Structure formats: C-alpha cells, structure tokens
C-alpha cells in the first residue's frame, strides 16, 4: 500500500479518526455487524475478531458531560469514570449508543460501581480481574477469558471455533508487530517525527474497525517516515521523554503539548494507548489456545495488580532501548491505584534507572495548562543542564 499524502496531512487525518468513526459505527449497525464497546486493554480482542465483530474504546476524555455525571456520582471521582458515565447517561457518545454489548473489567472500584449503572442503559458484561499476577490469579483469568467467549457466543448467536480464534490471533499479532515497528522509529536520535504525531497515529488507528486496513496503513506510514527521514534530520536533537501512568488522550493531550512546546520530545507512551497495549505477542504455537490468549493479556502491566511486576519490566526495557532522558508520569485525580503506585515508580526511575522523574496529576479541564507548562519547562531545563 502506498501513502501519497504528505505526513502532516496524514497525522491530522488520524487525529480526526475518532470523530470520523462515529459514522463508521452507524454503518456497522446498519450492516448488522456486532459492535462491542470496551473500557480497557484487558479485553481479549481476538474473541471479537474471531466472530467478525468490531471493537471500540468507550473511555471518554472530555469534561463536557462531567457536570451531568456529578448529579449521580461523587464530584471527587476520577474524571475518566465521570466522563464515561456522563456520555452514556446523556446519550452523547455514538460509540456507546451503537454498542450491542459493553464489556467492563474490575480495574478499580469506581468503574465497578459505574458498570452497575451502565447496565441499566445497555447490556454489560464485567470481566473479573485477579489482583495478583500469580498462578492462582492466572487460573481465574483464564476462566474469565473462556467465560467471555461463551457470553459472546450466547449474546450474538455465533460459534467461536478454535480455527477462527487462531486466525484472529495471527491478525492481531500482525497489528501488534506493525505498530511496534512504528514505535521503534522513535529509537532514532534525533527522532523522525514528534511524539504528538506518533500519538495521533496510534490513537487514531484504534478507531478504524478494519484491522487489515490498519495493518497496511501503519506499515506504509512507517516506510514513508523512514524514507523521508533522509540524511539530514528535520527535527533537532532534544531531551527524550517517556510518558507513563493513566490513559492519555483528548483533554490530557495537553501534557504532550506542554512537553513538546517547551523543548523536549515524547519518544514513547508506556500507558494504555501505547506500548502497554501492543507489547507481547500471543504464542501462535501453544496447544491450548485459551491459555495462550489469557497468558498474553495476563502479563499486561497495570497498577491494579499488586505487585505490578510487568509494568516495571516494560518500563525497564523502554528506558534502555529508547535512551530515555526523563520520565513523566501522568495520573488522573482520584485514580488511586496509579497515584499510590507513583511512589514506587518514582523510586524505580530515580534509584534503579538513575533517571529524572516528574509526577503530573491532572483532570480533563484546561484550568491547569499554565501550571503544567511551568512545571514541565523547569523539568526539561533540568534535563538540558
């Protein structure tokens, strides 16, 4: 596949992908293609792919409906939870409206209670996550994966065969390989593109329901970036930042902008829209296909786990392989698991990896943009000394 458009235009098209996908979701509905709304990277995408269903992320990243949500929910609640509930309650989220089934997961207490309320509006299935990544936790999680498969079969009147699952695994693995190859371009110093443009590509691709098209487009864009990089870098050498922590996007893109408007570049995202989502392939040769799927998702690093060893392992690899100069952790107000774990992450980054670390706590408003700019400017100046 050849990409004829210029890179800036491509970046903006991917940035608008979420909005354009609203019409695509409607088209899915008209074709009777199942649409599954999800909230987390723990959902096994292969199950949906095996039954030719589409998947869309429902986590909302705007403060537009938070006032309406606060009529029912506490005001001192995570903005992601309030926003997600608010968009569902007000019927302002086309993805939620067109979803045939909403799948939640027990990553935090606030979301668990929110799913009860969402269940009054839409059919909801909640996957029970273990709290520990040990042998007993894995047994529970494998059962949840199989149960999820059975729920989908019953809800949509389909049969998810092992052959279909194995084909789906290959497809989703190819997607992971393609996006990982795009990520790896940021190992170059200077970088070939800015971090915000990388974010637009990866985040936007998640709203394309045609997985094969995503794979081909990402591969073509990766080659175009390689070819356009040339001998003379177009982007100056800058401090290299890794963003970790809570899901980022929409309103929280203000953090990316504050970093890159003040003299640094974000070379990677460890959080749910970045490496965490695409790291690790499913073992295509494993005899027990459900064990293979469960194993891959079980090893996602998330602050809901205690201890959260796989997050530390991923951070270790990224910091080394991408030559990170500093780590910025973005947490949302009242996101207790990530806020509490930030203490351990800071110690790990400072003491084990010997890298500077900055914690940024924010919400979906724009009221702290000035403060963010000031703090990040000081952090970047420290890196440049």
Protein backbone atom coordinates (compact mmCIF):
# COMPACT_ATOMS: atom_id res chain seq x y z
CA UNK A 1 0.00 0.00 0.00
CA UNK A 2 1.35 3.41 -1.00
CA UNK A 3 0.70 6.53 1.04
CA UNK A 4 0.64 9.51 -1.33
CA UNK A 5 -0.34 12.24 1.12
CA UNK A 6 2.19 14.34 3.00
CA UNK A 7 2.94 13.32 6.58
CA UNK A 8 1.36 16.40 8.27
CA UNK A 9 -1.90 15.70 6.48
CA UNK A 10 -1.73 12.02 7.44
CA UNK A 11 -1.17 12.92 11.09
CA UNK A 12 -4.22 15.19 11.13
CA UNK A 13 -6.42 12.58 9.45
CA UNK A 14 -5.53 10.08 12.17
CA UNK A 15 -6.18 12.78 14.79
CA UNK A 16 -9.71 13.10 13.43
CA UNK A 17 -10.23 9.33 13.22
CA UNK A 18 -12.28 9.10 16.41
CA UNK A 19 -14.80 11.64 15.17
CA UNK A 20 -14.97 10.05 11.72
CA UNK A 21 -15.54 6.66 13.33
CA UNK A 22 -18.91 7.83 14.65
CA UNK A 23 -20.34 7.39 11.14
CA UNK A 24 -18.50 4.11 10.74
CA UNK A 25 -20.15 2.83 13.92
CA UNK A 26 -23.55 3.71 12.48
CA UNK A 27 -22.64 1.88 9.27
CA UNK A 28 -21.64 -1.18 11.30
CA UNK A 29 -25.06 -1.17 12.91
CA UNK A 30 -26.84 -0.91 9.57
CA UNK A 31 -24.88 -3.94 8.29
CA UNK A 32 -25.74 -5.93 11.44
CA UNK A 33 -22.07 -6.22 12.35
CA UNK A 34 -21.77 -6.58 16.14
CA UNK A 35 -20.12 -3.65 17.90
CA UNK A 36 -18.54 -4.26 21.31
CA UNK A 37 -17.73 -1.27 23.49
CA UNK A 38 -14.80 -1.73 25.87
CA UNK A 39 -13.04 0.25 28.61
CA UNK A 40 -9.70 -1.48 28.93
CA UNK A 41 -6.77 -3.17 27.17
CA UNK A 42 -7.52 -6.34 29.15
CA UNK A 43 -10.36 -7.22 26.77
CA UNK A 44 -9.16 -10.12 24.52
CA UNK A 45 -9.54 -8.56 21.07
CA UNK A 46 -9.11 -11.94 19.39
CA UNK A 47 -12.51 -13.11 20.67
CA UNK A 48 -14.24 -10.28 18.82
CA UNK A 49 -12.13 -10.68 15.69
CA UNK A 50 -12.95 -14.40 15.58
CA UNK A 51 -16.68 -13.61 15.35
CA UNK A 52 -16.22 -10.73 12.86
CA UNK A 53 -17.30 -8.16 15.43
CA UNK A 54 -15.86 -4.68 15.78
CA UNK A 55 -14.46 -3.24 19.00
CA UNK A 56 -14.39 0.39 20.10
CA UNK A 57 -12.98 2.11 23.17
CA UNK A 58 -15.61 3.86 25.31
CA UNK A 59 -13.39 5.68 27.80
CA UNK A 60 -14.26 9.33 27.41
CA UNK A 61 -11.62 12.04 27.67
CA UNK A 62 -13.62 15.25 27.82
CA UNK A 63 -15.15 17.24 30.68
CA UNK A 64 -18.23 18.05 28.58
CA UNK A 65 -20.62 15.71 30.41
CA UNK A 66 -18.97 15.68 33.85
CA UNK A 67 -21.46 18.18 35.36
CA UNK A 68 -24.30 15.85 34.36
CA UNK A 69 -22.43 12.84 35.75
CA UNK A 70 -21.88 14.62 39.07
CA UNK A 71 -25.65 14.73 39.60
CA UNK A 72 -25.37 10.99 40.26
CA UNK A 73 -21.70 10.40 41.10
CA UNK A 74 -19.36 11.98 43.68
CA UNK A 75 -17.55 15.08 42.45
CA UNK A 76 -14.22 13.82 43.87
CA UNK A 77 -14.18 10.86 41.49
CA UNK A 78 -11.77 10.02 38.66
CA UNK A 79 -12.61 12.22 35.62
CA UNK A 80 -12.40 9.21 33.30
CA UNK A 81 -15.18 7.46 35.21
CA UNK A 82 -17.34 10.59 35.44
CA UNK A 83 -16.85 11.44 31.78
CA UNK A 84 -17.59 7.89 30.60
CA UNK A 85 -20.75 7.70 32.69
CA UNK A 86 -21.80 11.21 31.68
CA UNK A 87 -21.57 10.47 27.96
CA UNK A 88 -23.57 7.27 28.41
CA UNK A 89 -26.21 8.95 30.56
CA UNK A 90 -26.69 11.91 28.19
CA UNK A 91 -26.57 9.74 25.06
CA UNK A 92 -23.84 11.95 23.63
CA UNK A 93 -21.42 9.14 22.81
CA UNK A 94 -22.26 7.48 19.46
CA UNK A 95 -19.96 4.57 20.28
CA UNK A 96 -21.90 3.77 23.44
CA UNK A 97 -25.20 4.31 21.63
CA UNK A 98 -24.34 1.87 18.83
CA UNK A 99 -22.63 -0.75 21.02
CA UNK A 100 -24.53 -4.03 21.24
CA UNK A 101 -22.58 -5.08 24.33
CA UNK A 102 -20.44 -3.15 26.78
CA UNK A 103 -17.56 -5.03 28.40
CA UNK A 104 -16.07 -3.76 31.63
CA UNK A 105 -13.33 -5.04 33.87
CA UNK A 106 -12.63 -4.76 37.58
CA UNK A 107 -9.63 -2.44 37.36
CA UNK A 108 -10.97 -0.05 40.02
CA UNK A 109 -13.84 0.21 42.47
CA UNK A 110 -15.28 3.32 40.86
CA UNK A 111 -15.58 1.63 37.47
CA UNK A 112 -17.11 -1.48 39.05
CA UNK A 113 -19.93 0.58 40.52
CA UNK A 114 -20.30 2.60 37.32
CA UNK A 115 -20.89 -0.61 35.36
CA UNK A 116 -23.93 -1.29 37.54
CA UNK A 117 -25.45 1.99 36.38
CA UNK A 118 -24.43 1.43 32.76
CA UNK A 119 -26.18 -1.94 32.96
CA UNK A 120 -29.45 -0.06 33.34
CA UNK A 121 -28.86 1.50 29.92
CA UNK A 122 -27.06 -1.21 27.93
CA UNK A 123 -26.22 -4.92 28.23
CA UNK A 124 -22.98 -5.07 30.24
CA UNK A 125 -20.60 -7.93 30.97
CA UNK A 126 -17.85 -7.42 33.55
CA UNK A 127 -14.62 -9.43 33.38
CA UNK A 128 -13.29 -10.21 36.86
CA UNK A 129 -9.58 -9.40 37.02
CA UNK A 130 -7.40 -11.05 39.64
CA UNK A 131 -5.50 -8.71 41.95
CA UNK A 132 -2.26 -10.67 41.70
CA UNK A 133 -0.26 -11.99 38.77
CA UNK A 134 0.49 -15.39 40.27
CA UNK A 135 -0.57 -18.96 39.45
CA UNK A 136 -3.94 -18.69 41.19
CA UNK A 137 -4.59 -15.34 39.55
CA UNK A 138 -3.86 -16.83 36.14
CA UNK A 139 -6.31 -19.69 36.69
CA UNK A 140 -9.04 -17.16 37.48
CA UNK A 141 -8.17 -15.04 34.46
CA UNK A 142 -8.18 -17.98 32.04
CA UNK A 143 -11.67 -18.89 33.27
CA UNK A 144 -12.76 -15.28 32.66
CA UNK A 145 -11.45 -15.40 29.07
CA UNK A 146 -13.39 -18.60 28.39
CA UNK A 147 -16.47 -17.15 30.08
CA UNK A 148 -16.17 -14.03 27.88
CA UNK A 149 -16.11 -16.25 24.80
CA UNK A 150 -19.26 -18.05 25.98
CA UNK A 151 -21.03 -14.75 26.71
CA UNK A 152 -20.27 -13.52 23.18
CA UNK A 153 -21.50 -16.77 21.64
CA UNK A 154 -24.76 -16.63 23.56
CA UNK A 155 -25.35 -12.91 23.07
CA UNK A 156 -24.75 -12.90 19.32
CA UNK A 157 -25.73 -16.45 18.38
CA UNK A 158 -22.33 -17.34 16.95
CA UNK A 159 -19.76 -20.08 17.41
CA UNK A 160 -16.19 -19.01 18.11
CA UNK A 161 -14.23 -22.02 16.89
CA UNK A 162 -10.59 -22.74 17.63
CA UNK A 163 -9.69 -22.28 13.96
CA UNK A 164 -11.31 -18.85 13.92
CA UNK A 165 -9.51 -17.94 17.12
CA UNK A 166 -6.14 -18.97 15.74
CA UNK A 167 -6.73 -16.92 12.60
CA UNK A 168 -7.72 -13.96 14.78
CA UNK A 169 -4.55 -14.36 16.84
CA UNK A 170 -2.42 -14.12 13.69
CA UNK A 171 -4.27 -10.99 12.58
CA UNK A 172 -3.97 -9.22 15.91
CA UNK A 173 -0.33 -10.25 16.24
CA UNK A 174 0.33 -8.66 12.85
CA UNK A 175 -1.30 -5.47 14.11
CA UNK A 176 0.94 -5.51 17.19
CA UNK A 177 4.03 -6.05 15.04
CA UNK A 178 3.10 -3.20 12.69
CA UNK A 179 2.50 -0.67 15.48
CA UNK A 180 5.59 -1.82 17.38
CA UNK A 181 7.65 -1.19 14.23
CA UNK A 182 6.20 2.34 14.14
CA UNK A 183 7.13 2.83 17.81
CA UNK A 184 10.69 1.69 17.10
CA UNK A 185 11.26 4.61 14.73
CA UNK A 186 11.44 6.74 17.89
CA UNK A 187 14.66 4.95 18.89
CA UNK A 188 16.39 7.25 16.40
CA UNK A 189 18.04 10.35 17.85
CA UNK A 190 17.02 12.87 16.60
CA UNK A 191 13.52 11.44 16.18
CA UNK A 192 11.92 11.30 12.69
CA UNK A 193 8.56 12.66 13.94
CA UNK A 194 7.29 14.43 17.03
CA UNK A 195 5.69 12.45 19.83
CA UNK A 196 2.31 14.12 19.43
CA UNK A 197 2.21 12.98 15.80
CA UNK A 198 3.08 9.44 16.92
CA UNK A 199 0.21 9.64 19.40
CA UNK A 200 -2.21 10.75 16.68
CA UNK A 201 -1.27 7.78 14.50
CA UNK A 202 -1.58 5.13 17.19
CA UNK A 203 -4.62 6.53 18.99
CA UNK A 204 -6.40 7.23 15.70
CA UNK A 205 -5.74 3.73 14.37
CA UNK A 206 -7.70 2.25 17.28
CA UNK A 207 -10.90 3.75 15.84
CA UNK A 208 -10.57 2.02 12.46
CA UNK A 209 -12.77 -1.09 12.55
CA UNK A 210 -10.92 -2.69 9.62
CA UNK A 211 -7.90 -4.35 11.24
CA UNK A 212 -6.30 -5.40 7.95
CA UNK A 213 -6.52 -1.81 6.74
CA UNK A 214 -4.90 -0.58 9.95
CA UNK A 215 -2.02 -3.01 9.48
CA UNK A 216 -1.42 -1.95 5.88
CA UNK A 217 -1.73 1.77 6.59
CA UNK A 218 0.61 1.69 9.59
CA UNK A 219 3.19 -0.31 7.63
CA UNK A 220 3.00 2.15 4.72
CA UNK A 221 3.29 5.18 7.03
CA UNK A 222 6.26 3.61 8.81
CA UNK A 223 8.03 3.15 5.47
CA UNK A 224 7.18 6.70 4.40
CA UNK A 225 8.63 8.11 7.63
CA UNK A 226 11.79 6.03 7.12
CA UNK A 227 12.17 7.23 3.55
CA UNK A 228 11.53 10.88 4.36
CA UNK A 229 13.94 10.93 7.27
CA UNK A 230 16.90 11.11 4.88
CA UNK A 231 20.43 12.04 5.83
CA UNK A 232 19.63 15.46 7.29
CA UNK A 233 17.27 15.25 10.29
CA UNK A 234 14.32 17.66 10.06
CA UNK A 235 13.86 17.66 13.85
CA UNK A 236 16.54 18.94 16.20
CA UNK A 237 18.03 16.78 18.96
CA UNK A 238 16.02 17.28 22.18
CA UNK A 239 15.59 15.71 25.63
CA UNK A 240 13.78 12.40 25.23
CA UNK A 241 10.69 11.91 27.42
CA UNK A 242 8.71 8.77 28.25
CA UNK A 243 5.11 9.24 29.40
CA UNK A 244 3.73 6.63 31.79
CA UNK A 245 0.68 6.38 34.05
CA UNK A 246 -3.05 6.74 33.40
CA UNK A 247 -4.72 6.52 29.98
CA UNK A 248 -3.98 9.64 27.97
CA UNK A 249 -5.91 11.28 25.14
CA UNK A 250 -8.40 14.03 24.41
CA UNK A 251 -8.18 16.60 27.20
CA UNK A 252 -4.99 15.09 28.62
CA UNK A 253 -3.13 15.64 25.35
CA UNK A 254 -2.37 18.99 26.99
CA UNK A 255 0.51 17.21 28.75
CA UNK A 256 2.06 16.08 25.45
CA UNK A 257 1.71 19.59 24.04
CA UNK A 258 3.23 21.17 27.15
CA UNK A 259 6.27 18.90 26.84
CA UNK A 260 6.83 19.42 23.14
CA UNK A 261 6.11 23.14 23.13
CA UNK A 262 8.82 23.60 25.75
CA UNK A 263 11.80 21.98 24.11
CA UNK A 264 11.53 18.21 24.56
CA UNK A 265 10.08 15.30 22.59
CA UNK A 266 7.90 12.43 23.77
CA UNK A 267 9.50 9.32 22.30
CA UNK A 268 7.06 6.87 23.80
CA UNK A 269 3.94 6.14 25.82
CA UNK A 270 4.01 3.29 28.31
CA UNK A 271 0.33 3.73 29.20
CA UNK A 272 -2.80 2.12 27.76
CA UNK A 273 -2.68 3.78 24.33
CA UNK A 274 0.98 2.96 23.83
CA UNK A 275 3.44 0.15 24.41
CA UNK A 276 1.29 -1.49 27.07
CA UNK A 277 -1.46 -2.15 24.54
CA UNK A 278 0.79 -3.59 21.83
CA UNK A 279 3.60 -5.21 23.80
CA UNK A 280 3.88 -9.02 23.73
CA UNK A 281 2.54 -11.34 21.06
CA UNK A 282 0.24 -14.28 21.65
CA UNK A 283 2.02 -17.62 21.28
CA UNK A 284 0.57 -18.94 18.00
CA UNK A 285 2.02 -22.42 18.53
CA UNK A 286 0.61 -23.06 22.01
CA UNK A 287 -1.67 -26.11 22.06
CA UNK A 288 -4.21 -24.58 24.45
CA UNK A 289 -5.45 -21.52 22.56
CA UNK A 290 -7.29 -20.06 25.57
CA UNK A 291 -4.22 -20.39 27.72
CA UNK A 292 -2.21 -18.58 25.03
CA UNK A 293 -4.69 -15.70 24.90
CA UNK A 294 -5.04 -15.49 28.67
CA UNK A 295 -1.27 -15.51 29.15
CA UNK A 296 -0.69 -12.53 26.86
CA UNK A 297 -3.34 -10.32 28.48
CA UNK A 298 -2.45 -11.51 31.98
CA UNK A 299 1.04 -10.03 31.53
CA UNK A 300 -0.19 -6.50 30.91
CA UNK A 301 1.36 -4.18 33.45
CA UNK A 302 -1.33 -2.26 35.34
CA UNK A 303 -1.40 -0.56 38.74
CA UNK A 304 -4.43 -2.65 39.68
CA UNK A 305 -2.02 -5.56 40.15
CA UNK A 306 -0.02 -6.00 43.35
CA UNK A 307 2.83 -6.43 42.84
CA UNK A 308 2.78 -4.83 39.40
CA UNK A 309 5.91 -6.56 38.11
CA UNK A 310 5.13 -6.47 34.40
CA UNK A 311 4.81 -2.68 34.36
CA UNK A 312 8.27 -2.36 35.86
CA UNK A 313 9.65 -4.83 33.32
CA UNK A 314 8.21 -2.84 30.42
CA UNK A 315 9.47 0.46 31.82
CA UNK A 316 12.93 -1.06 32.18
CA UNK A 317 13.04 -2.08 28.53
CA UNK A 318 11.69 1.20 27.18
CA UNK A 319 14.03 3.39 29.23
CA UNK A 320 17.04 1.42 27.97
CA UNK A 321 16.02 0.78 24.36
CA UNK A 322 14.71 4.29 23.67
CA UNK A 323 17.52 6.09 25.52
CA UNK A 324 15.08 7.97 27.74
CA UNK A 325 16.34 11.14 29.43
CA UNK A 326 13.37 11.66 31.76
CA UNK A 327 10.07 10.04 32.75
CA UNK A 328 6.82 11.99 33.16
CA UNK A 329 4.04 10.13 34.95
CA UNK A 330 0.52 11.41 34.22
CA UNK A 331 -2.09 10.49 36.81
CA UNK A 332 -5.73 11.49 36.96
CA UNK A 333 -7.20 13.00 40.09
CA UNK A 334 -8.69 10.30 42.34
CA UNK A 335 -7.13 7.47 40.32
CA UNK A 336 -5.99 5.78 43.50
CA UNK A 337 -4.09 2.79 42.11
CA UNK A 338 -1.86 4.84 39.82
CA UNK A 339 -1.48 7.68 42.33
CA UNK A 340 -0.37 5.29 45.07
CA UNK A 341 1.91 3.33 42.73
CA UNK A 342 3.60 6.55 41.55
CA UNK A 343 5.75 6.45 44.71
CA UNK A 344 7.19 3.08 43.68
CA UNK A 345 7.62 4.17 40.06
CA UNK A 346 9.49 7.29 41.15
CA UNK A 347 11.88 5.25 43.29
CA UNK A 348 12.44 2.80 40.44
CA UNK A 349 13.12 5.50 37.85
CA UNK A 350 15.32 7.59 40.17
CA UNK A 351 17.21 4.90 42.06
CA UNK A 352 17.30 1.87 39.75
CA UNK A 353 17.40 3.55 36.34
CA UNK A 354 19.10 6.75 37.56
CA UNK A 355 16.74 8.94 35.50
CA UNK A 356 14.79 12.10 36.46
CA UNK A 357 11.08 11.63 37.16
CA UNK A 358 8.17 14.05 37.35
CA UNK A 359 4.63 13.29 38.56
CA UNK A 360 1.82 15.30 36.98
CA UNK A 361 -1.66 14.97 38.46
CA UNK A 362 -4.41 16.43 36.29
CA UNK A 363 -8.03 16.19 35.16
CA UNK A 364 -10.00 16.91 31.98
CA UNK A 365 -10.25 20.68 32.43
CA UNK A 366 -7.91 23.23 30.87
CA UNK A 367 -7.52 25.18 34.11
CA UNK A 368 -4.03 23.81 34.84
CA UNK A 369 -2.48 24.34 31.39
CA UNK A 370 -0.35 27.25 32.60
CA UNK A 371 0.84 25.36 35.67
CA UNK A 372 1.66 22.29 33.55
CA UNK A 373 3.73 24.40 31.19
CA UNK A 374 5.66 25.96 34.06
CA UNK A 375 6.44 22.64 35.77
CA UNK A 376 7.37 20.83 32.57
CA UNK A 377 9.53 23.70 31.38
CA UNK A 378 11.51 23.52 34.65
CA UNK A 379 11.83 19.72 34.31
CA UNK A 380 13.07 19.98 30.71
CA UNK A 381 15.57 22.72 31.62
CA UNK A 382 16.94 20.41 34.31
CA UNK A 383 17.43 17.69 31.69
CA UNK A 384 19.32 20.09 29.46
CA UNK A 385 21.86 21.04 32.14
